């Protein structure tokens, strides 16, 4: 059977971001959402990044999750080249991720990037947020999200 087309693109600025961005991939796998992962830097490969962002929608991508550290311009650069929703995951860096967080969240009006927490918790939340965004078009994901939320409540109760 042919693999389903990816609905979510996970883009990271460096392969050193992979251990964090695997949290996003893990969530998407849990919800059976097909995804693709790639490395593309806003600064070291800007043309590649822009082209990837411009072509993502045409390849069936519906949400982009971008993780980067330091100046953390990746999510913003991608958002500047697409109308797809972009979720930014700030990486821990020299200032405990504060520099990355501020670079990701401080976007100019008209170019939104949904921004989650720094690091692995944020990457996990980015996966959940991507599923929530997709659930508007893919109703089967709503049932999965309801079960997921119920399991969180059950864990607290236990």
N, C-alpha and C. Protein backbone atom coordinates (compact mmCIF):
# COMPACT_ATOMS: atom_id res chain seq x y z
N UNK A 1 0.84 -1.20 0.00
CA UNK A 1 0.00 0.00 0.00
C UNK A 1 0.88 1.25 0.00
N UNK A 2 0.51 2.21 -0.78
CA UNK A 2 1.27 3.46 -0.88
C UNK A 2 1.13 4.27 0.40
N UNK A 3 2.25 4.87 0.82
CA UNK A 3 2.21 5.73 2.01
C UNK A 3 1.31 6.92 1.76
N UNK A 4 0.52 7.32 2.78
CA UNK A 4 -0.32 8.50 2.60
C UNK A 4 0.54 9.75 2.46
N UNK A 5 0.00 10.74 1.75
CA UNK A 5 0.72 12.01 1.58
C UNK A 5 0.83 12.70 2.94
N UNK A 6 1.97 13.29 3.22
CA UNK A 6 2.12 14.01 4.49
C UNK A 6 1.20 15.22 4.57
N UNK A 7 0.63 15.42 5.74
CA UNK A 7 -0.22 16.59 6.00
C UNK A 7 0.53 17.65 6.78
N UNK A 8 1.57 17.24 7.50
CA UNK A 8 2.36 18.15 8.33
C UNK A 8 3.82 18.08 7.90
N UNK A 9 4.44 19.24 7.79
CA UNK A 9 5.87 19.33 7.54
C UNK A 9 6.55 19.76 8.83
N UNK A 10 7.55 19.00 9.24
CA UNK A 10 8.39 19.37 10.37
C UNK A 10 9.72 19.82 9.79
N UNK A 11 10.04 21.09 10.01
CA UNK A 11 11.26 21.67 9.46
C UNK A 11 12.12 22.12 10.63
N UNK A 12 13.40 21.80 10.56
CA UNK A 12 14.31 22.25 11.61
C UNK A 12 15.51 22.92 11.00
N UNK A 13 16.05 23.87 11.72
CA UNK A 13 17.16 24.66 11.20
C UNK A 13 18.47 23.92 11.14
N UNK A 14 18.59 22.84 11.92
CA UNK A 14 19.83 22.08 11.99
C UNK A 14 19.49 20.66 12.41
N UNK A 15 20.31 19.69 12.00
CA UNK A 15 20.04 18.33 12.43
C UNK A 15 20.26 18.15 13.93
N UNK A 16 20.92 19.11 14.57
CA UNK A 16 21.06 19.05 16.03
C UNK A 16 19.74 19.30 16.74
N UNK A 17 18.73 19.80 16.01
CA UNK A 17 17.40 20.03 16.57
C UNK A 17 16.54 18.76 16.56
N UNK A 18 17.03 17.71 15.92
CA UNK A 18 16.24 16.49 15.76
C UNK A 18 15.76 15.88 17.08
N UNK A 19 16.59 15.77 18.12
CA UNK A 19 16.09 15.16 19.36
C UNK A 19 14.87 15.89 19.93
N UNK A 20 14.79 17.19 19.74
CA UNK A 20 13.62 17.95 20.21
C UNK A 20 12.44 17.75 19.26
N UNK A 21 12.69 17.88 17.97
CA UNK A 21 11.60 17.80 16.99
C UNK A 21 11.04 16.39 16.85
N UNK A 22 11.74 15.39 17.35
CA UNK A 22 11.19 14.04 17.38
C UNK A 22 9.96 13.97 18.29
N UNK A 23 9.86 14.89 19.22
CA UNK A 23 8.66 14.97 20.08
C UNK A 23 7.43 15.29 19.22
N UNK A 24 7.56 16.22 18.29
CA UNK A 24 6.47 16.54 17.37
C UNK A 24 6.13 15.32 16.52
N UNK A 25 7.15 14.69 15.98
CA UNK A 25 6.95 13.51 15.15
C UNK A 25 6.25 12.40 15.94
N UNK A 26 6.62 12.23 17.20
CA UNK A 26 6.01 11.20 18.03
C UNK A 26 4.52 11.43 18.23
N UNK A 27 4.15 12.68 18.48
CA UNK A 27 2.73 13.02 18.65
C UNK A 27 1.96 12.75 17.35
N UNK A 28 2.51 13.19 16.24
CA UNK A 28 1.83 12.99 14.96
C UNK A 28 1.67 11.49 14.67
N UNK A 29 2.68 10.71 15.00
CA UNK A 29 2.59 9.26 14.82
C UNK A 29 1.50 8.67 15.72
N UNK A 30 1.43 9.15 16.97
CA UNK A 30 0.38 8.68 17.90
C UNK A 30 -1.01 8.90 17.31
N UNK A 31 -1.20 10.04 16.67
CA UNK A 31 -2.49 10.39 16.09
C UNK A 31 -2.64 9.89 14.64
N UNK A 32 -1.63 9.16 14.17
CA UNK A 32 -1.64 8.60 12.81
C UNK A 32 -1.77 9.68 11.73
N UNK A 33 -1.10 10.80 11.97
CA UNK A 33 -1.07 11.90 11.00
C UNK A 33 0.22 11.77 10.19
N UNK A 34 0.12 11.60 8.88
CA UNK A 34 1.33 11.50 8.08
C UNK A 34 2.10 12.83 8.04
N UNK A 35 3.42 12.72 8.11
CA UNK A 35 4.26 13.92 8.15
C UNK A 35 5.57 13.65 7.42
N UNK A 36 6.26 14.74 7.15
CA UNK A 36 7.62 14.66 6.61
C UNK A 36 8.51 15.56 7.45
N UNK A 37 9.80 15.23 7.47
CA UNK A 37 10.78 16.03 8.22
C UNK A 37 11.90 16.44 7.27
N UNK A 38 12.37 17.66 7.46
CA UNK A 38 13.50 18.13 6.66
C UNK A 38 14.32 19.14 7.46
N UNK A 39 15.55 19.31 7.06
CA UNK A 39 16.42 20.34 7.64
C UNK A 39 16.59 21.43 6.59
N UNK A 40 16.32 22.66 6.99
CA UNK A 40 16.49 23.81 6.10
C UNK A 40 16.68 25.04 6.98
N UNK A 41 17.75 25.73 6.78
CA UNK A 41 18.09 26.86 7.63
C UNK A 41 17.65 28.19 7.02
N UNK A 42 17.08 29.04 7.85
CA UNK A 42 16.69 30.38 7.39
C UNK A 42 17.90 31.20 6.98
N UNK A 43 19.07 30.90 7.57
CA UNK A 43 20.26 31.70 7.31
C UNK A 43 21.28 31.01 6.42
N UNK A 44 21.45 29.69 6.59
CA UNK A 44 22.47 28.97 5.82
C UNK A 44 21.94 28.46 4.47
N UNK A 45 20.64 28.28 4.37
CA UNK A 45 20.04 27.84 3.08
C UNK A 45 18.73 28.60 2.84
N UNK A 46 18.80 29.94 2.77
CA UNK A 46 17.57 30.74 2.69
C UNK A 46 16.74 30.47 1.43
N UNK A 47 17.37 30.24 0.29
CA UNK A 47 16.62 29.99 -0.94
C UNK A 47 15.89 28.65 -0.84
N UNK A 48 16.56 27.65 -0.30
CA UNK A 48 15.94 26.33 -0.12
C UNK A 48 14.74 26.43 0.81
N UNK A 49 14.90 27.19 1.88
CA UNK A 49 13.82 27.36 2.86
C UNK A 49 12.62 28.05 2.22
N UNK A 50 12.86 29.12 1.50
CA UNK A 50 11.78 29.86 0.85
C UNK A 50 11.07 28.99 -0.17
N UNK A 51 11.83 28.25 -0.97
CA UNK A 51 11.22 27.38 -1.98
C UNK A 51 10.39 26.28 -1.31
N UNK A 52 10.91 25.69 -0.25
CA UNK A 52 10.16 24.65 0.47
C UNK A 52 8.83 25.21 0.97
N UNK A 53 8.87 26.40 1.56
CA UNK A 53 7.65 27.02 2.08
C UNK A 53 6.65 27.30 0.97
N UNK A 54 7.13 27.82 -0.15
CA UNK A 54 6.23 28.16 -1.27
C UNK A 54 5.58 26.92 -1.88
N UNK A 55 6.28 25.79 -1.89
CA UNK A 55 5.77 24.59 -2.55
C UNK A 55 5.02 23.65 -1.61
N UNK A 56 5.07 23.86 -0.32
CA UNK A 56 4.49 22.93 0.65
C UNK A 56 3.00 22.68 0.40
N UNK A 57 2.25 23.74 0.21
CA UNK A 57 0.80 23.61 0.01
C UNK A 57 0.50 22.76 -1.22
N UNK A 58 1.22 22.95 -2.28
CA UNK A 58 1.03 22.19 -3.51
C UNK A 58 1.33 20.71 -3.36
N UNK A 59 2.11 20.36 -2.34
CA UNK A 59 2.44 18.96 -2.06
C UNK A 59 1.47 18.33 -1.06
N UNK A 60 0.43 19.07 -0.67
CA UNK A 60 -0.56 18.52 0.26
C UNK A 60 -0.33 18.84 1.71
N UNK A 61 0.71 19.58 2.03
CA UNK A 61 0.98 19.96 3.42
C UNK A 61 -0.10 20.94 3.86
N UNK A 62 -0.60 20.76 5.09
CA UNK A 62 -1.65 21.64 5.63
C UNK A 62 -1.18 22.44 6.84
N UNK A 63 -0.11 21.99 7.51
CA UNK A 63 0.45 22.70 8.67
C UNK A 63 1.96 22.50 8.64
N UNK A 64 2.69 23.56 8.99
CA UNK A 64 4.15 23.47 9.07
C UNK A 64 4.56 23.74 10.51
N UNK A 65 5.41 22.86 11.06
CA UNK A 65 6.00 23.06 12.37
C UNK A 65 7.48 23.31 12.15
N UNK A 66 7.98 24.45 12.63
CA UNK A 66 9.37 24.83 12.39
C UNK A 66 10.09 25.04 13.72
N UNK A 67 11.20 24.34 13.90
CA UNK A 67 11.99 24.48 15.11
C UNK A 67 13.35 25.04 14.82
N UNK A 68 13.74 26.04 15.60
CA UNK A 68 15.06 26.66 15.41
C UNK A 68 15.50 27.32 16.70
N UNK A 69 16.81 27.49 16.83
CA UNK A 69 17.38 28.12 18.01
C UNK A 69 18.11 29.40 17.65
N UNK A 70 18.66 30.04 18.68
CA UNK A 70 19.40 31.28 18.47
C UNK A 70 18.51 32.38 17.94
N UNK A 71 18.85 32.90 16.77
CA UNK A 71 18.04 33.95 16.15
C UNK A 71 16.64 33.44 15.79
N UNK A 72 16.51 32.14 15.58
CA UNK A 72 15.23 31.45 15.41
C UNK A 72 14.30 32.11 14.40
N UNK A 73 14.84 32.44 13.24
CA UNK A 73 14.03 33.08 12.20
C UNK A 73 13.30 32.10 11.30
N UNK A 74 13.53 30.80 11.47
CA UNK A 74 13.00 29.81 10.54
C UNK A 74 11.48 29.88 10.39
N UNK A 75 10.75 29.85 11.50
CA UNK A 75 9.29 29.87 11.41
C UNK A 75 8.79 31.14 10.72
N UNK A 76 9.39 32.26 11.04
CA UNK A 76 8.98 33.53 10.43
C UNK A 76 9.28 33.59 8.95
N UNK A 77 10.43 33.10 8.54
CA UNK A 77 10.77 33.08 7.12
C UNK A 77 9.78 32.19 6.37
N UNK A 78 9.49 31.03 6.94
CA UNK A 78 8.52 30.13 6.30
C UNK A 78 7.15 30.81 6.22
N UNK A 79 6.72 31.43 7.31
CA UNK A 79 5.41 32.10 7.32
C UNK A 79 5.34 33.22 6.28
N UNK A 80 6.46 33.84 6.00
CA UNK A 80 6.51 34.90 4.99
C UNK A 80 6.33 34.39 3.57
N UNK A 81 6.45 33.08 3.37
CA UNK A 81 6.38 32.51 2.02
C UNK A 81 5.22 31.55 1.81
N UNK A 82 4.28 31.48 2.77
CA UNK A 82 3.15 30.57 2.63
C UNK A 82 1.92 31.13 3.33
N UNK A 83 0.76 30.62 2.95
CA UNK A 83 -0.47 30.97 3.67
C UNK A 83 -0.84 29.86 4.65
N UNK A 84 -0.08 28.79 4.70
CA UNK A 84 -0.36 27.70 5.63
C UNK A 84 -0.10 28.14 7.07
N UNK A 85 -0.80 27.53 8.05
CA UNK A 85 -0.47 27.82 9.44
C UNK A 85 0.93 27.31 9.77
N UNK A 86 1.68 28.14 10.48
CA UNK A 86 3.05 27.80 10.88
C UNK A 86 3.11 27.84 12.41
N UNK A 87 3.67 26.79 12.97
CA UNK A 87 3.87 26.69 14.42
C UNK A 87 5.36 26.72 14.67
N UNK A 88 5.82 27.66 15.48
CA UNK A 88 7.24 27.79 15.79
C UNK A 88 7.59 27.13 17.11
N UNK A 89 8.66 26.34 17.09
CA UNK A 89 9.18 25.69 18.30
C UNK A 89 10.55 26.29 18.60
N UNK A 90 10.65 27.12 19.63
CA UNK A 90 11.95 27.68 19.99
C UNK A 90 12.83 26.61 20.65
N UNK A 91 14.10 26.58 20.30
CA UNK A 91 15.05 25.64 20.88
C UNK A 91 15.80 26.28 22.03
N UNK A 92 16.22 25.45 22.96
CA UNK A 92 17.09 25.95 24.02
C UNK A 92 18.40 26.38 23.37
N UNK A 93 18.90 27.51 23.81
CA UNK A 93 20.15 28.03 23.25
C UNK A 93 20.89 28.79 24.33
N UNK A 94 21.77 29.67 23.94
CA UNK A 94 22.64 30.37 24.88
C UNK A 94 21.95 31.05 26.04
N UNK A 95 20.76 31.53 25.84
CA UNK A 95 20.04 32.24 26.90
C UNK A 95 18.87 31.40 27.42
N UNK A 96 19.10 30.09 27.56
CA UNK A 96 18.08 29.13 28.03
C UNK A 96 16.85 29.14 27.12
N UNK A 97 17.03 29.54 25.89
CA UNK A 97 15.95 29.54 24.92
C UNK A 97 15.16 30.83 24.86
N UNK A 98 15.44 31.77 25.75
CA UNK A 98 14.70 33.04 25.75
C UNK A 98 14.92 33.79 24.44
N UNK A 99 16.15 33.77 23.93
CA UNK A 99 16.43 34.43 22.65
C UNK A 99 15.61 33.80 21.53
N UNK A 100 15.55 32.48 21.51
CA UNK A 100 14.78 31.77 20.48
C UNK A 100 13.29 32.03 20.63
N UNK A 101 12.81 32.03 21.86
CA UNK A 101 11.40 32.28 22.12
C UNK A 101 11.00 33.66 21.61
N UNK A 102 11.76 34.67 21.97
CA UNK A 102 11.42 36.03 21.55
C UNK A 102 11.53 36.20 20.04
N UNK A 103 12.53 35.56 19.42
CA UNK A 103 12.67 35.65 17.97
C UNK A 103 11.51 34.99 17.25
N UNK A 104 10.96 33.94 17.84
CA UNK A 104 9.86 33.21 17.20
C UNK A 104 8.53 33.91 17.41
N UNK A 105 8.31 34.43 18.59
CA UNK A 105 6.99 35.00 18.92
C UNK A 105 6.82 36.44 18.42
N UNK A 106 7.89 37.19 18.27
CA UNK A 106 7.81 38.61 17.91
C UNK A 106 7.73 38.80 16.41
N UNK A 107 6.63 38.40 15.81
CA UNK A 107 6.44 38.55 14.37
C UNK A 107 5.68 39.84 14.08
N UNK A 108 5.96 40.45 12.94
CA UNK A 108 5.23 41.67 12.59
C UNK A 108 3.76 41.36 12.28
N UNK A 109 2.91 42.35 12.48
CA UNK A 109 1.50 42.18 12.16
C UNK A 109 1.31 41.72 10.73
N UNK A 110 0.46 40.73 10.54
CA UNK A 110 0.18 40.21 9.21
C UNK A 110 0.94 38.94 8.86
N UNK A 111 1.92 38.59 9.66
CA UNK A 111 2.71 37.38 9.41
C UNK A 111 2.73 36.54 10.70
N UNK A 112 1.61 35.88 11.01
CA UNK A 112 1.53 35.16 12.28
C UNK A 112 2.33 33.86 12.31
N UNK A 113 2.90 33.58 13.47
CA UNK A 113 3.50 32.29 13.78
C UNK A 113 2.97 31.90 15.15
N UNK A 114 2.24 30.79 15.21
CA UNK A 114 1.81 30.27 16.51
C UNK A 114 3.07 29.76 17.20
N UNK A 115 3.29 30.17 18.43
CA UNK A 115 4.52 29.82 19.12
C UNK A 115 4.22 29.04 20.38
N UNK A 116 4.97 27.96 20.59
CA UNK A 116 4.80 27.10 21.76
C UNK A 116 6.01 27.28 22.68
N UNK A 117 6.02 26.55 23.77
CA UNK A 117 7.10 26.65 24.75
C UNK A 117 8.45 26.21 24.16
N UNK A 118 9.50 26.57 24.84
CA UNK A 118 10.86 26.22 24.44
C UNK A 118 11.09 24.72 24.68
N UNK A 119 11.75 24.08 23.73
CA UNK A 119 12.23 22.71 23.92
C UNK A 119 11.22 21.61 23.68
N UNK A 120 11.47 20.47 24.35
CA UNK A 120 10.69 19.25 24.10
C UNK A 120 9.21 19.40 24.43
N UNK A 121 8.88 20.09 25.52
CA UNK A 121 7.45 20.28 25.85
C UNK A 121 6.77 21.09 24.76
N UNK A 122 7.44 22.10 24.26
CA UNK A 122 6.89 22.90 23.18
C UNK A 122 6.74 22.10 21.90
N UNK A 123 7.73 21.25 21.60
CA UNK A 123 7.66 20.43 20.39
C UNK A 123 6.49 19.45 20.49
N UNK A 124 6.27 18.89 21.67
CA UNK A 124 5.12 18.00 21.86
C UNK A 124 3.82 18.78 21.66
N UNK A 125 3.74 19.96 22.27
CA UNK A 125 2.54 20.79 22.11
C UNK A 125 2.33 21.22 20.66
N UNK A 126 3.41 21.43 19.93
CA UNK A 126 3.29 21.78 18.51
C UNK A 126 2.61 20.66 17.74
N UNK A 127 2.95 19.42 18.08
CA UNK A 127 2.30 18.28 17.44
C UNK A 127 0.82 18.23 17.75
N UNK A 128 0.47 18.47 19.01
CA UNK A 128 -0.94 18.46 19.41
C UNK A 128 -1.68 19.61 18.73
N UNK A 129 -1.08 20.79 18.70
CA UNK A 129 -1.70 21.93 18.04
C UNK A 129 -1.91 21.66 16.56
N UNK A 130 -0.94 21.03 15.92
CA UNK A 130 -1.09 20.69 14.50
C UNK A 130 -2.29 19.75 14.31
N UNK A 131 -2.44 18.77 15.20
CA UNK A 131 -3.58 17.86 15.11
C UNK A 131 -4.89 18.62 15.33
N UNK A 132 -4.89 19.55 16.27
CA UNK A 132 -6.09 20.36 16.50
C UNK A 132 -6.45 21.18 15.27
N UNK A 133 -5.47 21.76 14.62
CA UNK A 133 -5.72 22.53 13.39
C UNK A 133 -6.28 21.61 12.31
N UNK A 134 -5.69 20.45 12.15
CA UNK A 134 -6.13 19.49 11.13
C UNK A 134 -7.52 18.95 11.41
N UNK A 135 -7.92 18.91 12.67
CA UNK A 135 -9.21 18.30 13.02
C UNK A 135 -10.40 19.06 12.44
N UNK A 136 -10.22 20.31 12.08
CA UNK A 136 -11.29 21.06 11.43
C UNK A 136 -11.64 20.50 10.07
N UNK A 137 -10.66 19.94 9.38
CA UNK A 137 -10.87 19.37 8.05
C UNK A 137 -10.94 17.84 8.08
N UNK A 138 -10.39 17.25 9.12
CA UNK A 138 -10.31 15.80 9.25
C UNK A 138 -11.01 15.38 10.55
N UNK A 139 -12.34 15.20 10.49
CA UNK A 139 -13.12 14.99 11.72
C UNK A 139 -12.73 13.77 12.54
N UNK A 140 -12.12 12.76 11.91
CA UNK A 140 -11.70 11.59 12.68
C UNK A 140 -10.67 11.97 13.75
N UNK A 141 -9.94 13.04 13.53
CA UNK A 141 -8.96 13.50 14.51
C UNK A 141 -9.63 14.08 15.74
N UNK A 142 -10.85 14.62 15.60
CA UNK A 142 -11.58 15.15 16.77
C UNK A 142 -11.83 14.05 17.79
N UNK A 143 -12.21 12.87 17.33
CA UNK A 143 -12.45 11.74 18.24
C UNK A 143 -11.16 11.37 18.97
N UNK A 144 -10.08 11.32 18.23
CA UNK A 144 -8.78 11.00 18.83
C UNK A 144 -8.36 12.04 19.85
N UNK A 145 -8.60 13.31 19.54
CA UNK A 145 -8.27 14.39 20.48
C UNK A 145 -9.11 14.29 21.75
N UNK A 146 -10.39 13.96 21.61
CA UNK A 146 -11.25 13.80 22.79
C UNK A 146 -10.74 12.67 23.67
N UNK A 147 -10.34 11.55 23.06
CA UNK A 147 -9.79 10.42 23.83
C UNK A 147 -8.49 10.84 24.52
N UNK A 148 -7.67 11.58 23.79
CA UNK A 148 -6.40 12.05 24.35
C UNK A 148 -6.63 12.93 25.57
N UNK A 149 -7.53 13.90 25.45
CA UNK A 149 -7.83 14.81 26.57
C UNK A 149 -8.41 14.03 27.76
N UNK A 150 -9.25 13.04 27.48
CA UNK A 150 -9.83 12.22 28.54
C UNK A 150 -8.72 11.42 29.24
N UNK A 151 -7.75 10.96 28.47
CA UNK A 151 -6.64 10.19 29.09
C UNK A 151 -5.79 11.10 29.98
N UNK A 152 -5.61 12.36 29.60
CA UNK A 152 -4.89 13.30 30.45
C UNK A 152 -5.62 13.49 31.78
N UNK A 153 -6.94 13.66 31.70
CA UNK A 153 -7.73 13.85 32.91
C UNK A 153 -7.67 12.60 33.79
N UNK A 154 -7.71 11.44 33.18
CA UNK A 154 -7.66 10.18 33.95
C UNK A 154 -6.32 10.03 34.67
N UNK A 155 -5.25 10.44 34.03
CA UNK A 155 -3.92 10.37 34.65
C UNK A 155 -3.85 11.28 35.87
N UNK A 156 -4.46 12.46 35.78
CA UNK A 156 -4.47 13.39 36.91
C UNK A 156 -5.27 12.79 38.06
N UNK A 157 -6.42 12.23 37.72
CA UNK A 157 -7.29 11.64 38.73
C UNK A 157 -6.60 10.48 39.45
N UNK A 158 -5.87 9.67 38.67
CA UNK A 158 -5.18 8.52 39.26
C UNK A 158 -4.06 8.98 40.18
